[in-house]
Amino acid sequence: MESPNYAELVALVEKMPAFPKSVQRVVQLTANIEVPAKEIVQVIECDPVLTVKILKVINSAFYGLSHKINSIQRAVVHVGLNTVKNLAMSIAAMGMLKTSNKAGFNPSAFLLHALTTAEISRKLAERAGLSQQACGDCFVAGLLHDFGKVVFAEFRPEGFKLALAKSKEENMPLHLCEQAFLGIDHAEAGALLAEKWELSELLTETIRHHHHPPDNAFGECLFAANQIGKRLRYGDGGNPVTEAFPETVVNRFGLSLEALIDDLGNLDVIAQGAELFIKP
């Protein structure tokens, strides 16, 4: 039997907006490697708002293209289908965030944490030798892993504010403070959102267990990326605690947290790109 807190959480998640149908369709299509790129391009181009926003980012200084890109088809040629898909997901995720909330949760800092975690997760997936499709999915997992916090900030701001304060004051993991004040944590809320947005079971379960990663490359890339982003203070998801790598993650990359950060080189360019993306 479901607990009252879980049943309430399901009801709160149902109040959250759905991803635009165009983005949901992009996610569905890219899950099938046999789908021609032109079908995905057509879906995006039928959404004029999404098209304009993607082209704005593609033509920004971050990508440094020598000439202006005027179509999604040309964008795919120049930066790749996975990048265009990830931009569509990022734009949709940004649309979920309100500029303020009663919990005092900073949406801009949160989004910077989400975007940098996403890109670092993708980078680690490449390092781990995952397929191109899996690398793209790691980006999505990193982008959305903390979105359960958005549910709390919107619909349970009083309890979430207390959880944020206790986490900061006592240097406790935020998800434990959420369990104390809300009876459930953002990882579970995020998994329910992933189900609402019709993401794959792998993505849903990775989000659900991102504080205790399963023994697989997908979950371990997200866990490592999350800790790296927190250690380097790229944005702020409200959790002040950076956790050491468990043995499975150390074995995956052959390095500790600090050693992996050193080995990855300058990651500031990722944060700079995310900041550029966030700007209106």
C-alpha atoms as a PDB file:
ATOM      1  CA  MET A   1       0.000   0.000   0.000  1.00  0.00           C
ATOM      2  CA  GLU A   2       1.344   3.438  -0.918  1.00  0.00           C
ATOM      3  CA  SER A   3       2.167   5.817   1.916  1.00  0.00           C
ATOM      4  CA  PRO A   4       0.225   9.104   2.222  1.00  0.00           C
ATOM      5  CA  ASN A   5       3.394  11.009   1.329  1.00  0.00           C
ATOM      6  CA  TYR A   6       3.869   9.017  -1.863  1.00  0.00           C
ATOM      7  CA  ALA A   7       0.252   9.419  -2.876  1.00  0.00           C
ATOM      8  CA  GLU A   8       0.507  13.171  -2.241  1.00  0.00           C
ATOM      9  CA  LEU A   9       3.706  13.334  -4.291  1.00  0.00           C
ATOM     10  CA  VAL A  10       2.018  11.642  -7.237  1.00  0.00           C
ATOM     11  CA  ALA A  11      -0.740  14.255  -7.061  1.00  0.00           C
ATOM     12  CA  LEU A  12       1.818  17.098  -6.973  1.00  0.00           C
ATOM     13  CA  VAL A  13       3.750  15.728  -9.943  1.00  0.00           C
ATOM     14  CA  GLU A  14       0.541  15.579 -11.929  1.00  0.00           C
ATOM     15  CA  LYS A  15       0.260  19.357 -11.491  1.00  0.00           C
ATOM     16  CA  MET A  16       3.601  19.908 -13.216  1.00  0.00           C
ATOM     17  CA  PRO A  17       3.422  20.833 -16.902  1.00  0.00           C
ATOM     18  CA  ALA A  18       4.238  18.190 -19.477  1.00  0.00           C
ATOM     19  CA  PHE A  19       7.125  18.567 -21.885  1.00  0.00           C
ATOM     20  CA  PRO A  20       6.033  20.092 -25.191  1.00  0.00           C
ATOM     21  CA  LYS A  21       4.741  17.362 -27.493  1.00  0.00           C
ATOM     22  CA  SER A  22       7.492  18.132 -29.968  1.00  0.00           C
ATOM     23  CA  VAL A  23      10.190  17.447 -27.368  1.00  0.00           C
ATOM     24  CA  GLN A  24       8.487  14.277 -26.187  1.00  0.00           C
ATOM     25  CA  ARG A  25       8.376  13.104 -29.779  1.00  0.00           C
ATOM     26  CA  VAL A  26      12.073  13.913 -30.255  1.00  0.00           C
ATOM     27  CA  VAL A  27      12.913  11.797 -27.193  1.00  0.00           C
ATOM     28  CA  GLN A  28      10.801   8.920 -28.507  1.00  0.00           C
ATOM     29  CA  LEU A  29      12.352   9.048 -31.965  1.00  0.00           C
ATOM     30  CA  THR A  30      15.965   9.293 -30.786  1.00  0.00           C
ATOM     31  CA  ALA A  31      15.446   6.188 -28.645  1.00  0.00           C
ATOM     32  CA  ASN A  32      15.392   4.269 -31.941  1.00  0.00           C
ATOM     33  CA  ILE A  33      18.744   4.423 -33.710  1.00  0.00           C
ATOM     34  CA  GLU A  34      17.071   3.284 -36.934  1.00  0.00           C
ATOM     35  CA  VAL A  35      14.937   6.447 -37.218  1.00  0.00           C
ATOM     36  CA  PRO A  36      16.252   8.765 -39.967  1.00  0.00           C
ATOM     37  CA  ALA A  37      17.544  12.119 -38.749  1.00  0.00           C
ATOM     38  CA  LYS A  38      15.204  13.926 -41.146  1.00  0.00           C
ATOM     39  CA  GLU A  39      12.161  12.696 -39.180  1.00  0.00           C
ATOM     40  CA  ILE A  40      13.538  14.215 -35.985  1.00  0.00           C
ATOM     41  CA  VAL A  41      14.387  17.447 -37.803  1.00  0.00           C
ATOM     42  CA  GLN A  42      10.831  17.663 -39.150  1.00  0.00           C
ATOM     43  CA  VAL A  43       9.377  17.349 -35.644  1.00  0.00           C
ATOM     44  CA  ILE A  44      11.535  20.182 -34.334  1.00  0.00           C
ATOM     45  CA  GLU A  45      10.876  22.419 -37.323  1.00  0.00           C
ATOM     46  CA  CYS A  46       7.118  22.077 -36.744  1.00  0.00           C
ATOM     47  CA  ASP A  47       7.651  23.814 -33.388  1.00  0.00           C
ATOM     48  CA  PRO A  48       8.638  27.404 -34.306  1.00  0.00           C
ATOM     49  CA  VAL A  49       9.436  28.460 -30.727  1.00  0.00           C
ATOM     50  CA  LEU A  50      11.755  25.498 -30.187  1.00  0.00           C
ATOM     51  CA  THR A  51      13.379  26.053 -33.569  1.00  0.00           C
ATOM     52  CA  VAL A  52      14.125  29.715 -32.867  1.00  0.00           C
ATOM     53  CA  LYS A  53      15.622  28.937 -29.450  1.00  0.00           C
ATOM     54  CA  ILE A  54      17.826  26.131 -30.751  1.00  0.00           C
ATOM     55  CA  LEU A  55      19.135  28.271 -33.603  1.00  0.00           C
ATOM     56  CA  LYS A  56      19.830  31.123 -31.198  1.00  0.00           C
ATOM     57  CA  VAL A  57      22.083  28.868 -29.121  1.00  0.00           C
ATOM     58  CA  ILE A  58      23.735  27.250 -32.154  1.00  0.00           C
ATOM     59  CA  ASN A  59      24.611  30.709 -33.487  1.00  0.00           C
ATOM     60  CA  SER A  60      26.011  31.915 -30.164  1.00  0.00           C
ATOM     61  CA  ALA A  61      29.694  32.521 -29.545  1.00  0.00           C
ATOM     62  CA  PHE A  62      29.956  29.241 -27.625  1.00  0.00           C
ATOM     63  CA  TYR A  63      29.806  27.149 -30.804  1.00  0.00           C
ATOM     64  CA  GLY A  64      32.018  29.554 -32.729  1.00  0.00           C
ATOM     65  CA  LEU A  65      30.620  28.690 -36.155  1.00  0.00           C
ATOM     66  CA  SER A  66      32.049  30.695 -39.019  1.00  0.00           C
ATOM     67  CA  HIS A  67      28.660  31.460 -40.555  1.00  0.00           C
ATOM     68  CA  LYS A  68      25.082  31.728 -39.422  1.00  0.00           C
ATOM     69  CA  ILE A  69      22.906  28.608 -39.302  1.00  0.00           C
ATOM     70  CA  ASN A  70      19.344  29.228 -40.476  1.00  0.00           C
ATOM     71  CA  SER A  71      17.741  25.786 -40.226  1.00  0.00           C
ATOM     72  CA  ILE A  72      17.603  22.780 -37.913  1.00  0.00           C
ATOM     73  CA  GLN A  73      18.800  20.605 -40.798  1.00  0.00           C
ATOM     74  CA  ARG A  74      21.965  22.691 -41.113  1.00  0.00           C
ATOM     75  CA  ALA A  75      22.364  22.680 -37.340  1.00  0.00           C
ATOM     76  CA  VAL A  76      22.387  18.866 -37.367  1.00  0.00           C
ATOM     77  CA  VAL A  77      25.063  18.892 -40.070  1.00  0.00           C
ATOM     78  CA  HIS A  78      27.310  21.282 -38.123  1.00  0.00           C
ATOM     79  CA  VAL A  79      26.914  20.183 -34.486  1.00  0.00           C
ATOM     80  CA  GLY A  80      25.308  16.744 -34.725  1.00  0.00           C
ATOM     81  CA  LEU A  81      21.893  15.258 -34.028  1.00  0.00           C
ATOM     82  CA  ASN A  82      22.682  14.449 -30.383  1.00  0.00           C
ATOM     83  CA  THR A  83      23.599  18.055 -29.664  1.00  0.00           C
ATOM     84  CA  VAL A  84      20.363  19.298 -31.233  1.00  0.00           C
ATOM     85  CA  LYS A  85      18.365  16.740 -29.227  1.00  0.00           C
ATOM     86  CA  ASN A  86      20.106  17.793 -26.010  1.00  0.00           C
ATOM     87  CA  LEU A  87      19.421  21.448 -26.745  1.00  0.00           C
ATOM     88  CA  ALA A  88      15.735  20.656 -27.254  1.00  0.00           C
ATOM     89  CA  MET A  89      15.631  18.865 -23.894  1.00  0.00           C
ATOM     90  CA  SER A  90      17.467  21.711 -22.168  1.00  0.00           C
ATOM     91  CA  ILE A  91      15.117  24.331 -23.589  1.00  0.00           C
ATOM     92  CA  ALA A  92      12.108  22.282 -22.484  1.00  0.00           C
ATOM     93  CA  ALA A  93      13.588  21.890 -19.000  1.00  0.00           C
ATOM     94  CA  MET A  94      14.178  25.638 -18.732  1.00  0.00           C
ATOM     95  CA  GLY A  95      10.521  26.157 -19.544  1.00  0.00           C
ATOM     96  CA  MET A  96       9.585  24.218 -16.397  1.00  0.00           C
ATOM     97  CA  LEU A  97      11.270  26.734 -14.090  1.00  0.00           C
ATOM     98  CA  LYS A  98       9.620  29.802 -12.622  1.00  0.00           C
ATOM     99  CA  THR A  99      11.748  32.825 -11.850  1.00  0.00           C
ATOM    100  CA  SER A 100      10.954  32.765  -8.115  1.00  0.00           C
ATOM    101  CA  ASN A 101       9.427  30.578  -5.416  1.00  0.00           C
ATOM    102  CA  LYS A 102       8.535  30.766  -1.725  1.00  0.00           C
ATOM    103  CA  ALA A 103      11.222  28.239  -0.792  1.00  0.00           C
ATOM    104  CA  GLY A 104      13.988  30.695  -1.681  1.00  0.00           C
ATOM    105  CA  PHE A 105      15.374  28.133  -4.163  1.00  0.00           C
ATOM    106  CA  ASN A 106      17.523  29.870  -6.788  1.00  0.00           C
ATOM    107  CA  PRO A 107      16.345  28.721 -10.260  1.00  0.00           C
ATOM    108  CA  SER A 108      19.322  30.168 -12.159  1.00  0.00           C
ATOM    109  CA  ALA A 109      21.871  28.520  -9.887  1.00  0.00           C
ATOM    110  CA  PHE A 110      19.888  25.295 -10.053  1.00  0.00           C
ATOM    111  CA  LEU A 111      19.793  25.367 -13.834  1.00  0.00           C
ATOM    112  CA  LEU A 112      23.549  25.980 -14.020  1.00  0.00           C
ATOM    113  CA  HIS A 113      24.081  22.911 -11.815  1.00  0.00           C
ATOM    114  CA  ALA A 114      21.739  20.846 -14.005  1.00  0.00           C
ATOM    115  CA  LEU A 115      23.318  21.880 -17.322  1.00  0.00           C
ATOM    116  CA  THR A 116      26.913  21.395 -16.167  1.00  0.00           C
ATOM    117  CA  THR A 117      26.096  18.023 -14.591  1.00  0.00           C
ATOM    118  CA  ALA A 118      24.494  17.017 -17.892  1.00  0.00           C
ATOM    119  CA  GLU A 119      27.502  17.915 -20.008  1.00  0.00           C
ATOM    120  CA  ILE A 120      30.015  16.375 -17.585  1.00  0.00           C
ATOM    121  CA  SER A 121      27.892  13.212 -17.464  1.00  0.00           C
ATOM    122  CA  ARG A 122      27.971  13.028 -21.262  1.00  0.00           C
ATOM    123  CA  LYS A 123      31.727  13.587 -21.252  1.00  0.00           C
ATOM    124  CA  LEU A 124      32.233  10.783 -18.722  1.00  0.00           C
ATOM    125  CA  ALA A 125      30.006   8.476 -20.760  1.00  0.00           C
ATOM    126  CA  GLU A 126      32.279   9.038 -23.760  1.00  0.00           C
ATOM    127  CA  ARG A 127      35.254   8.283 -21.541  1.00  0.00           C
ATOM    128  CA  ALA A 128      33.591   5.070 -20.371  1.00  0.00           C
ATOM    129  CA  GLY A 129      33.156   3.963 -23.969  1.00  0.00           C
ATOM    130  CA  LEU A 130      29.362   4.123 -24.103  1.00  0.00           C
ATOM    131  CA  SER A 131      27.512   4.364 -27.409  1.00  0.00           C
ATOM    132  CA  GLN A 132      26.645   7.746 -28.902  1.00  0.00           C
ATOM    133  CA  GLN A 133      23.003   7.197 -27.986  1.00  0.00           C
ATOM    134  CA  ALA A 134      23.892   6.269 -24.395  1.00  0.00           C
ATOM    135  CA  CYS A 135      26.089   9.374 -24.132  1.00  0.00           C
ATOM    136  CA  GLY A 136      23.099  11.481 -25.154  1.00  0.00           C
ATOM    137  CA  ASP A 137      20.933   9.736 -22.579  1.00  0.00           C
ATOM    138  CA  CYS A 138      23.561  10.445 -19.908  1.00  0.00           C
ATOM    139  CA  PHE A 139      23.226  14.125 -20.785  1.00  0.00           C
ATOM    140  CA  VAL A 140      19.447  13.920 -20.268  1.00  0.00           C
ATOM    141  CA  ALA A 141      19.888  12.083 -16.957  1.00  0.00           C
ATOM    142  CA  GLY A 142      22.272  14.783 -15.757  1.00  0.00           C
ATOM    143  CA  LEU A 143      19.945  17.545 -16.892  1.00  0.00           C
ATOM    144  CA  LEU A 144      16.886  16.133 -15.113  1.00  0.00           C
ATOM    145  CA  HIS A 145      18.341  14.299 -12.093  1.00  0.00           C
ATOM    146  CA  ASP A 146      17.381  17.040  -9.614  1.00  0.00           C
ATOM    147  CA  PHE A 147      14.103  18.193 -11.129  1.00  0.00           C
ATOM    148  CA  GLY A 148      12.158  16.735  -8.223  1.00  0.00           C
ATOM    149  CA  LYS A 149      13.360  19.802  -6.324  1.00  0.00           C
ATOM    150  CA  VAL A 150      11.311  21.929  -8.704  1.00  0.00           C
ATOM    151  CA  VAL A 151       8.198  20.045  -7.585  1.00  0.00           C
ATOM    152  CA  PHE A 152       9.001  20.781  -3.936  1.00  0.00           C
ATOM    153  CA  ALA A 153       9.839  24.456  -4.581  1.00  0.00           C
ATOM    154  CA  GLU A 154       6.554  24.916  -6.418  1.00  0.00           C
ATOM    155  CA  PHE A 155       4.124  22.868  -4.343  1.00  0.00           C
ATOM    156  CA  ARG A 156       5.760  22.238  -0.930  1.00  0.00           C
ATOM    157  CA  PRO A 157       7.830  25.408  -0.446  1.00  0.00           C
ATOM    158  CA  GLU A 158       7.539  25.625   3.359  1.00  0.00           C
ATOM    159  CA  GLY A 159       8.912  22.148   4.030  1.00  0.00           C
ATOM    160  CA  PHE A 160      11.478  22.432   1.240  1.00  0.00           C
ATOM    161  CA  LYS A 161      12.743  25.729   2.647  1.00  0.00           C
ATOM    162  CA  LEU A 162      13.294  24.041   6.025  1.00  0.00           C
ATOM    163  CA  ALA A 163      15.098  21.149   4.340  1.00  0.00           C
ATOM    164  CA  LEU A 164      17.371  23.538   2.418  1.00  0.00           C
ATOM    165  CA  ALA A 165      18.212  25.452   5.591  1.00  0.00           C
ATOM    166  CA  LYS A 166      18.979  22.334   7.640  1.00  0.00           C
ATOM    167  CA  SER A 167      21.108  20.888   4.849  1.00  0.00           C
ATOM    168  CA  LYS A 168      23.179  24.066   4.692  1.00  0.00           C
ATOM    169  CA  GLU A 169      23.442  24.678   8.439  1.00  0.00           C
ATOM    170  CA  GLU A 170      24.406  21.100   9.348  1.00  0.00           C
ATOM    171  CA  ASN A 171      26.196  20.157   6.107  1.00  0.00           C
ATOM    172  CA  MET A 172      23.794  17.262   5.607  1.00  0.00           C
ATOM    173  CA  PRO A 173      22.812  15.712   2.262  1.00  0.00           C
ATOM    174  CA  LEU A 174      19.707  17.508   1.078  1.00  0.00           C
ATOM    175  CA  HIS A 175      17.780  14.346   0.237  1.00  0.00           C
ATOM    176  CA  LEU A 176      18.009  13.224   3.880  1.00  0.00           C
ATOM    177  CA  CYS A 177      16.679  16.584   5.056  1.00  0.00           C
ATOM    178  CA  GLU A 178      13.842  16.336   2.540  1.00  0.00           C
ATOM    179  CA  GLN A 179      12.901  12.953   3.960  1.00  0.00           C
ATOM    180  CA  ALA A 180      12.818  14.494   7.435  1.00  0.00           C
ATOM    181  CA  PHE A 181      10.650  17.504   6.531  1.00  0.00           C
ATOM    182  CA  LEU A 182       8.680  16.230   3.541  1.00  0.00           C
ATOM    183  CA  GLY A 183       8.608  12.491   4.094  1.00  0.00           C
ATOM    184  CA  ILE A 184      10.071  11.825   0.650  1.00  0.00           C
ATOM    185  CA  ASP A 185      13.031  13.086  -1.389  1.00  0.00           C
ATOM    186  CA  HIS A 186      13.628  14.779  -4.715  1.00  0.00           C
ATOM    187  CA  ALA A 187      15.060  11.641  -6.327  1.00  0.00           C
ATOM    188  CA  GLU A 188      11.691   9.901  -6.032  1.00  0.00           C
ATOM    189  CA  ALA A 189       9.868  13.032  -7.170  1.00  0.00           C
ATOM    190  CA  GLY A 190      12.222  13.287 -10.136  1.00  0.00           C
ATOM    191  CA  ALA A 191      11.585   9.675 -11.108  1.00  0.00           C
ATOM    192  CA  LEU A 192       7.848  10.312 -11.112  1.00  0.00           C
ATOM    193  CA  LEU A 193       8.403  13.356 -13.322  1.00  0.00           C
ATOM    194  CA  ALA A 194      10.459  11.207 -15.698  1.00  0.00           C
ATOM    195  CA  GLU A 195       7.545   8.796 -15.915  1.00  0.00           C
ATOM    196  CA  LYS A 196       5.137  11.669 -16.563  1.00  0.00           C
ATOM    197  CA  TRP A 197       7.413  12.917 -19.331  1.00  0.00           C
ATOM    198  CA  GLU A 198       7.519   9.400 -20.805  1.00  0.00           C
ATOM    199  CA  LEU A 199      11.276   8.941 -20.498  1.00  0.00           C
ATOM    200  CA  SER A 200      12.781   5.464 -20.686  1.00  0.00           C
ATOM    201  CA  GLU A 201      12.835   3.100 -17.720  1.00  0.00           C
ATOM    202  CA  LEU A 202      16.637   3.347 -17.621  1.00  0.00           C
ATOM    203  CA  LEU A 203      16.516   7.151 -17.327  1.00  0.00           C
ATOM    204  CA  THR A 204      13.729   6.984 -14.744  1.00  0.00           C
ATOM    205  CA  GLU A 205      15.558   4.487 -12.541  1.00  0.00           C
ATOM    206  CA  THR A 206      18.866   6.347 -12.885  1.00  0.00           C
ATOM    207  CA  ILE A 207      17.193   9.524 -11.628  1.00  0.00           C
ATOM    208  CA  ARG A 208      15.490   7.588  -8.814  1.00  0.00           C
ATOM    209  CA  HIS A 209      18.805   6.151  -7.584  1.00  0.00           C
ATOM    210  CA  HIS A 210      21.218   8.961  -8.372  1.00  0.00           C
ATOM    211  CA  HIS A 211      22.380   9.228  -4.749  1.00  0.00           C
ATOM    212  CA  HIS A 212      23.110   5.501  -4.624  1.00  0.00           C
ATOM    213  CA  PRO A 213      24.115   4.544  -8.157  1.00  0.00           C
ATOM    214  CA  PRO A 214      23.525   1.014  -9.399  1.00  0.00           C
ATOM    215  CA  ASP A 215      26.576  -0.902 -10.552  1.00  0.00           C
ATOM    216  CA  ASN A 216      26.391   0.186 -14.180  1.00  0.00           C
ATOM    217  CA  ALA A 217      28.178   2.759 -16.307  1.00  0.00           C
ATOM    218  CA  PHE A 218      25.087   4.881 -16.849  1.00  0.00           C
ATOM    219  CA  GLY A 219      24.359   5.493 -13.166  1.00  0.00           C
ATOM    220  CA  GLU A 220      28.026   5.838 -12.283  1.00  0.00           C
ATOM    221  CA  CYS A 221      28.593   8.536 -14.908  1.00  0.00           C
ATOM    222  CA  LEU A 222      25.716  10.569 -13.481  1.00  0.00           C
ATOM    223  CA  PHE A 223      26.868  10.112  -9.878  1.00  0.00           C
ATOM    224  CA  ALA A 224      30.423  11.172 -10.741  1.00  0.00           C
ATOM    225  CA  ALA A 225      29.270  14.165 -12.788  1.00  0.00           C
ATOM    226  CA  ASN A 226      27.002  15.333  -9.967  1.00  0.00           C
ATOM    227  CA  GLN A 227      29.845  15.256  -7.449  1.00  0.00           C
ATOM    228  CA  ILE A 228      32.278  16.963  -9.840  1.00  0.00           C
ATOM    229  CA  GLY A 229      29.805  19.789 -10.476  1.00  0.00           C
ATOM    230  CA  LYS A 230      29.284  20.288  -6.755  1.00  0.00           C
ATOM    231  CA  ARG A 231      32.998  20.184  -5.957  1.00  0.00           C
ATOM    232  CA  LEU A 232      33.725  22.786  -8.644  1.00  0.00           C
ATOM    233  CA  ARG A 233      30.713  24.848  -7.517  1.00  0.00           C
ATOM    234  CA  TYR A 234      29.105  25.014 -10.919  1.00  0.00           C
ATOM    235  CA  GLY A 235      25.736  26.404  -9.897  1.00  0.00           C
ATOM    236  CA  ASP A 236      23.883  25.259  -6.805  1.00  0.00           C
ATOM    237  CA  GLY A 237      21.274  22.546  -6.462  1.00  0.00           C
ATOM    238  CA  GLY A 238      20.811  23.253  -2.764  1.00  0.00           C
ATOM    239  CA  ASN A 239      22.974  20.356  -1.566  1.00  0.00           C
ATOM    240  CA  PRO A 240      26.240  21.468   0.082  1.00  0.00           C
ATOM    241  CA  VAL A 241      27.642  17.927   0.441  1.00  0.00           C
ATOM    242  CA  THR A 242      30.045  16.484  -2.111  1.00  0.00           C
ATOM    243  CA  GLU A 243      30.249  12.728  -1.642  1.00  0.00           C
ATOM    244  CA  ALA A 244      33.384  10.657  -2.160  1.00  0.00           C
ATOM    245  CA  PHE A 245      33.243   8.078  -4.934  1.00  0.00           C
ATOM    246  CA  PRO A 246      32.109   4.640  -3.810  1.00  0.00           C
ATOM    247  CA  GLU A 247      34.335   1.734  -4.844  1.00  0.00           C
ATOM    248  CA  THR A 248      32.239   0.950  -7.931  1.00  0.00           C
ATOM    249  CA  VAL A 249      32.696   4.472  -9.305  1.00  0.00           C
ATOM    250  CA  VAL A 250      36.426   4.482  -8.518  1.00  0.00           C
ATOM    251  CA  ASN A 251      36.725   1.167 -10.362  1.00  0.00           C
ATOM    252  CA  ARG A 252      34.744   2.509 -13.325  1.00  0.00           C
ATOM    253  CA  PHE A 253      37.107   5.424 -13.934  1.00  0.00           C
ATOM    254  CA  GLY A 254      40.206   4.134 -12.166  1.00  0.00           C
ATOM    255  CA  LEU A 255      40.419   7.400 -10.231  1.00  0.00           C
ATOM    256  CA  SER A 256      39.149   9.112  -7.102  1.00  0.00           C
ATOM    257  CA  LEU A 257      36.975  12.229  -7.319  1.00  0.00           C
ATOM    258  CA  GLU A 258      39.879  14.662  -7.063  1.00  0.00           C
ATOM    259  CA  ALA A 259      42.074  12.677  -9.429  1.00  0.00           C
ATOM    260  CA  LEU A 260      39.318  12.449 -12.034  1.00  0.00           C
ATOM    261  CA  ILE A 261      38.738  16.214 -11.878  1.00  0.00           C
ATOM    262  CA  ASP A 262      42.454  16.775 -12.480  1.00  0.00           C
ATOM    263  CA  ASP A 263      42.508  14.256 -15.308  1.00  0.00           C
ATOM    264  CA  LEU A 264      39.537  15.812 -17.113  1.00  0.00           C
ATOM    265  CA  GLY A 265      41.378  19.109 -17.448  1.00  0.00           C
ATOM    266  CA  ASN A 266      39.734  22.525 -17.573  1.00  0.00           C
ATOM    267  CA  LEU A 267      35.975  22.047 -17.205  1.00  0.00           C
ATOM    268  CA  ASP A 268      35.261  25.762 -16.841  1.00  0.00           C
ATOM    269  CA  VAL A 269      34.379  25.940 -20.536  1.00  0.00           C
ATOM    270  CA  ILE A 270      31.376  23.715 -19.763  1.00  0.00           C
ATOM    271  CA  ALA A 271      30.165  26.096 -17.075  1.00  0.00           C
ATOM    272  CA  GLN A 272      30.759  29.073 -19.366  1.00  0.00           C
ATOM    273  CA  GLY A 273      28.689  27.467 -22.100  1.00  0.00           C
ATOM    274  CA  ALA A 274      25.891  26.733 -19.639  1.00  0.00           C
ATOM    275  CA  GLU A 275      25.901  30.321 -18.392  1.00  0.00           C
ATOM    276  CA  LEU A 276      25.635  31.554 -21.975  1.00  0.00           C
ATOM    277  CA  PHE A 277      22.718  29.206 -22.561  1.00  0.00           C
ATOM    278  CA  ILE A 278      20.859  30.459 -19.472  1.00  0.00           C
ATOM    279  CA  LYS A 279      21.119  34.118 -20.462  1.00  0.00           C
ATOM    280  CA  PRO A 280      17.852  35.484 -21.914  1.00  0.00           C
END
